[in-house]
C-alpha atoms as a PDB file:
ATOM      1  CA  GLN A   1     -14.095  12.584  -4.219  1.00  0.00           C
ATOM      2  CA  VAL A   2     -10.785  11.377  -3.521  1.00  0.00           C
ATOM      3  CA  GLN A   3      -8.937   9.399  -6.080  1.00  0.00           C
ATOM      4  CA  LEU A   4      -6.106   7.206  -4.931  1.00  0.00           C
ATOM      5  CA  VAL A   5      -3.538   6.362  -8.075  1.00  0.00           C
ATOM      6  CA  GLU A   6      -0.825   3.308  -7.850  1.00  0.00           C
ATOM      7  CA  SER A   7       1.938   2.071  -9.420  1.00  0.00           C
ATOM      8  CA  GLY A   8       5.107   0.331  -9.523  1.00  0.00           C
ATOM      9  CA  GLY A   9       3.783  -3.341  -9.541  1.00  0.00           C
ATOM     10  CA  GLY A  10       4.926  -5.848 -12.226  1.00  0.00           C
ATOM     11  CA  LEU A  11       6.767  -8.991 -12.337  1.00  0.00           C
ATOM     12  CA  VAL A  12       9.857 -10.019 -10.303  1.00  0.00           C
ATOM     13  CA  GLN A  13      12.254 -12.824  -9.228  1.00  0.00           C
ATOM     14  CA  ALA A  14      11.977 -14.571  -5.673  1.00  0.00           C
ATOM     15  CA  GLY A  15      14.648 -12.828  -3.782  1.00  0.00           C
ATOM     16  CA  GLY A  16      13.859  -9.305  -5.897  1.00  0.00           C
ATOM     17  CA  SER A  17      12.463  -6.033  -4.482  1.00  0.00           C
ATOM     18  CA  LEU A  18       9.750  -3.780  -5.875  1.00  0.00           C
ATOM     19  CA  ARG A  19       8.764  -0.157  -4.256  1.00  0.00           C
ATOM     20  CA  LEU A  20       5.029   0.806  -4.887  1.00  0.00           C
ATOM     21  CA  SER A  21       3.631   4.174  -5.041  1.00  0.00           C
ATOM     22  CA  CYS A  22       0.008   5.787  -4.356  1.00  0.00           C
ATOM     23  CA  ALA A  23      -0.812   9.154  -4.438  1.00  0.00           C
ATOM     24  CA  ALA A  24      -4.079  10.732  -3.001  1.00  0.00           C
ATOM     25  CA  SER A  25      -5.662  13.331  -5.548  1.00  0.00           C
ATOM     26  CA  ALA A  26      -5.107  16.819  -4.842  1.00  0.00           C
ATOM     27  CA  SER A  27      -7.564  17.635  -1.572  1.00  0.00           C
ATOM     28  CA  ILE A  28      -6.755  20.036   1.728  1.00  0.00           C
ATOM     29  CA  PHE A  29      -7.672  17.164   3.463  1.00  0.00           C
ATOM     30  CA  ARG A  30      -5.054  14.870   4.306  1.00  0.00           C
ATOM     31  CA  PRO A  31      -5.718  11.122   4.908  1.00  0.00           C
ATOM     32  CA  ASN A  32      -5.428  10.368   8.954  1.00  0.00           C
ATOM     33  CA  ALA A  33      -4.027   6.755   7.790  1.00  0.00           C
ATOM     34  CA  MET A  34      -2.725   5.062   4.375  1.00  0.00           C
ATOM     35  CA  ALA A  35      -2.503   1.607   4.087  1.00  0.00           C
ATOM     36  CA  TRP A  36      -1.814  -1.036   1.731  1.00  0.00           C
ATOM     37  CA  TYR A  37      -3.695  -3.985   1.461  1.00  0.00           C
ATOM     38  CA  ARG A  38      -3.040  -7.189  -0.776  1.00  0.00           C
ATOM     39  CA  GLN A  39      -5.422  -9.936  -2.010  1.00  0.00           C
ATOM     40  CA  ALA A  40      -4.079 -13.015  -3.400  1.00  0.00           C
ATOM     41  CA  PRO A  41      -6.345 -15.333  -6.028  1.00  0.00           C
ATOM     42  CA  GLY A  42      -8.896 -17.173  -4.036  1.00  0.00           C
ATOM     43  CA  LYS A  43      -8.314 -15.419  -0.568  1.00  0.00           C
ATOM     44  CA  GLN A  44      -9.497 -12.634   1.149  1.00  0.00           C
ATOM     45  CA  ARG A  45      -7.842  -9.260   0.931  1.00  0.00           C
ATOM     46  CA  GLU A  46      -5.341  -8.752   4.119  1.00  0.00           C
ATOM     47  CA  LEU A  47      -3.928  -5.626   5.503  1.00  0.00           C
ATOM     48  CA  VAL A  48       0.232  -5.173   4.723  1.00  0.00           C
ATOM     49  CA  ALA A  49       1.199  -2.409   6.353  1.00  0.00           C
ATOM     50  CA  ILE A  50      -0.543   1.045   7.760  1.00  0.00           C
ATOM     51  CA  ILE A  51       0.878   4.249   8.381  1.00  0.00           C
ATOM     52  CA  THR A  52      -0.675   7.465  10.272  1.00  0.00           C
ATOM     53  CA  LYS A  53      -0.353  10.733   9.660  1.00  0.00           C
ATOM     54  CA  SER A  54       2.281  11.255  12.638  1.00  0.00           C
ATOM     55  CA  GLY A  55       4.406   8.308  10.915  1.00  0.00           C
ATOM     56  CA  SER A  56       3.376   5.766  13.158  1.00  0.00           C
ATOM     57  CA  THR A  57       3.584   2.107  11.576  1.00  0.00           C
ATOM     58  CA  SER A  58       2.280  -1.603  11.916  1.00  0.00           C
ATOM     59  CA  TYR A  59       2.682  -4.308   9.636  1.00  0.00           C
ATOM     60  CA  ALA A  60       1.578  -7.969   9.236  1.00  0.00           C
ATOM     61  CA  ASP A  61       3.667 -10.672  10.713  1.00  0.00           C
ATOM     62  CA  SER A  62       4.739 -12.288   7.743  1.00  0.00           C
ATOM     63  CA  MET A  63       5.902  -8.837   6.200  1.00  0.00           C
ATOM     64  CA  LYS A  64       7.976  -7.406   9.246  1.00  0.00           C
ATOM     65  CA  GLY A  65      11.492  -7.319   8.215  1.00  0.00           C
ATOM     66  CA  ARG A  66      10.723  -7.503   4.541  1.00  0.00           C
ATOM     67  CA  PHE A  67       8.351  -4.438   3.552  1.00  0.00           C
ATOM     68  CA  ALA A  68       8.732  -0.597   4.512  1.00  0.00           C
ATOM     69  CA  ILE A  69       5.936   1.603   4.337  1.00  0.00           C
ATOM     70  CA  SER A  70       6.554   5.249   4.197  1.00  0.00           C
ATOM     71  CA  ARG A  71       4.553   8.494   3.333  1.00  0.00           C
ATOM     72  CA  ASP A  72       5.244  12.332   2.070  1.00  0.00           C
ATOM     73  CA  ASN A  73       2.360  14.120   3.715  1.00  0.00           C
ATOM     74  CA  ALA A  74       3.407  17.415   1.637  1.00  0.00           C
ATOM     75  CA  LYS A  75       2.724  14.566  -1.693  1.00  0.00           C
ATOM     76  CA  ASN A  76      -0.174  12.857   0.212  1.00  0.00           C
ATOM     77  CA  THR A  77       1.551   9.981  -0.920  1.00  0.00           C
ATOM     78  CA  VAL A  78       2.422   6.580   0.418  1.00  0.00           C
ATOM     79  CA  TYR A  79       5.070   3.781  -0.710  1.00  0.00           C
ATOM     80  CA  LEU A  80       5.760   0.459   0.148  1.00  0.00           C
ATOM     81  CA  GLN A  81       8.918  -0.906  -0.355  1.00  0.00           C
ATOM     82  CA  MET A  82       9.219  -4.624  -0.830  1.00  0.00           C
ATOM     83  CA  ASN A  83      12.182  -6.818  -0.523  1.00  0.00           C
ATOM     84  CA  SER A  84      13.009 -10.074  -0.474  1.00  0.00           C
ATOM     85  CA  LEU A  85       9.755 -11.112  -2.423  1.00  0.00           C
ATOM     86  CA  GLU A  86       8.357 -14.550  -2.475  1.00  0.00           C
ATOM     87  CA  PRO A  87       6.054 -16.428  -4.514  1.00  0.00           C
ATOM     88  CA  GLU A  88       3.860 -16.242  -1.755  1.00  0.00           C
ATOM     89  CA  ASP A  89       3.724 -11.986  -2.135  1.00  0.00           C
ATOM     90  CA  THR A  90       2.301 -12.455  -5.521  1.00  0.00           C
ATOM     91  CA  ALA A  91      -1.186 -10.601  -5.645  1.00  0.00           C
ATOM     92  CA  VAL A  92      -2.895  -7.507  -6.392  1.00  0.00           C
ATOM     93  CA  TYR A  93      -1.745  -4.886  -3.865  1.00  0.00           C
ATOM     94  CA  TYR A  94      -4.580  -2.115  -2.976  1.00  0.00           C
ATOM     95  CA  CYS A  95      -3.841   1.285  -1.570  1.00  0.00           C
ATOM     96  CA  ASN A  96      -6.371   2.475   1.311  1.00  0.00           C
ATOM     97  CA  ALA A  97      -6.548   5.998   2.844  1.00  0.00           C
ATOM     98  CA  ILE A  98      -8.889   6.694   5.977  1.00  0.00           C
ATOM     99  CA  TYR A  99     -10.026  10.172   6.331  1.00  0.00           C
ATOM    100  CA  GLY A 100     -11.483  11.732   9.663  1.00  0.00           C
ATOM    101  CA  SER A 101     -14.091  15.177   9.559  1.00  0.00           C
ATOM    102  CA  PRO A 102     -15.283  16.406   7.548  1.00  0.00           C
ATOM    103  CA  LEU A 103     -15.049  13.898   4.827  1.00  0.00           C
ATOM    104  CA  ASN A 104     -15.116  10.897   7.168  1.00  0.00           C
ATOM    105  CA  SER A 105     -14.187   8.129   4.459  1.00  0.00           C
ATOM    106  CA  ALA A 106     -12.167   5.359   3.198  1.00  0.00           C
ATOM    107  CA  TYR A 107     -10.790   5.277   0.063  1.00  0.00           C
ATOM    108  CA  TRP A 108      -9.601   2.516  -2.280  1.00  0.00           C
ATOM    109  CA  GLY A 109      -7.140   2.332  -5.186  1.00  0.00           C
ATOM    110  CA  GLN A 110      -7.697   0.579  -8.338  1.00  0.00           C
ATOM    111  CA  GLY A 111      -4.949  -1.919  -7.332  1.00  0.00           C
ATOM    112  CA  THR A 112      -1.558  -2.972  -8.875  1.00  0.00           C
ATOM    113  CA  GLN A 113      -0.479  -6.207  -9.720  1.00  0.00           C
ATOM    114  CA  VAL A 114       2.774  -7.804  -8.213  1.00  0.00           C
ATOM    115  CA  THR A 115       3.625 -11.265  -9.391  1.00  0.00           C
ATOM    116  CA  VAL A 116       6.687 -12.855  -8.264  1.00  0.00           C
ATOM    117  CA  SER A 117       8.254 -15.675 -10.180  1.00  0.00           C
ATOM    118  CA  SER A 118       9.874 -18.768  -8.184  1.00  0.00           C
END
């Protein structure tokens, strides 16, 4: 079983920055991809950004240029640098890790709250 532990959320003013971290529990397996999702009140969970084991990245359109995802494979950790935050970015941010064979499973973190005040 893989556990994901997130940190770095909090309250920030509009225009500010935050850095989220997500560490996967010690495992001999490395995730094929790691991603960040977010869910605002009354809305569906949406993909923020994803990064593969090789380092390829993809972002939701509204995050391009403001957010940056990165990972440290040696530490099984993924980061999300969020800049120029807007009140609309307020949400619970979830870490997701996708494992191929032999686990063939996806795991979620518990979520971390990000609140951006205007």
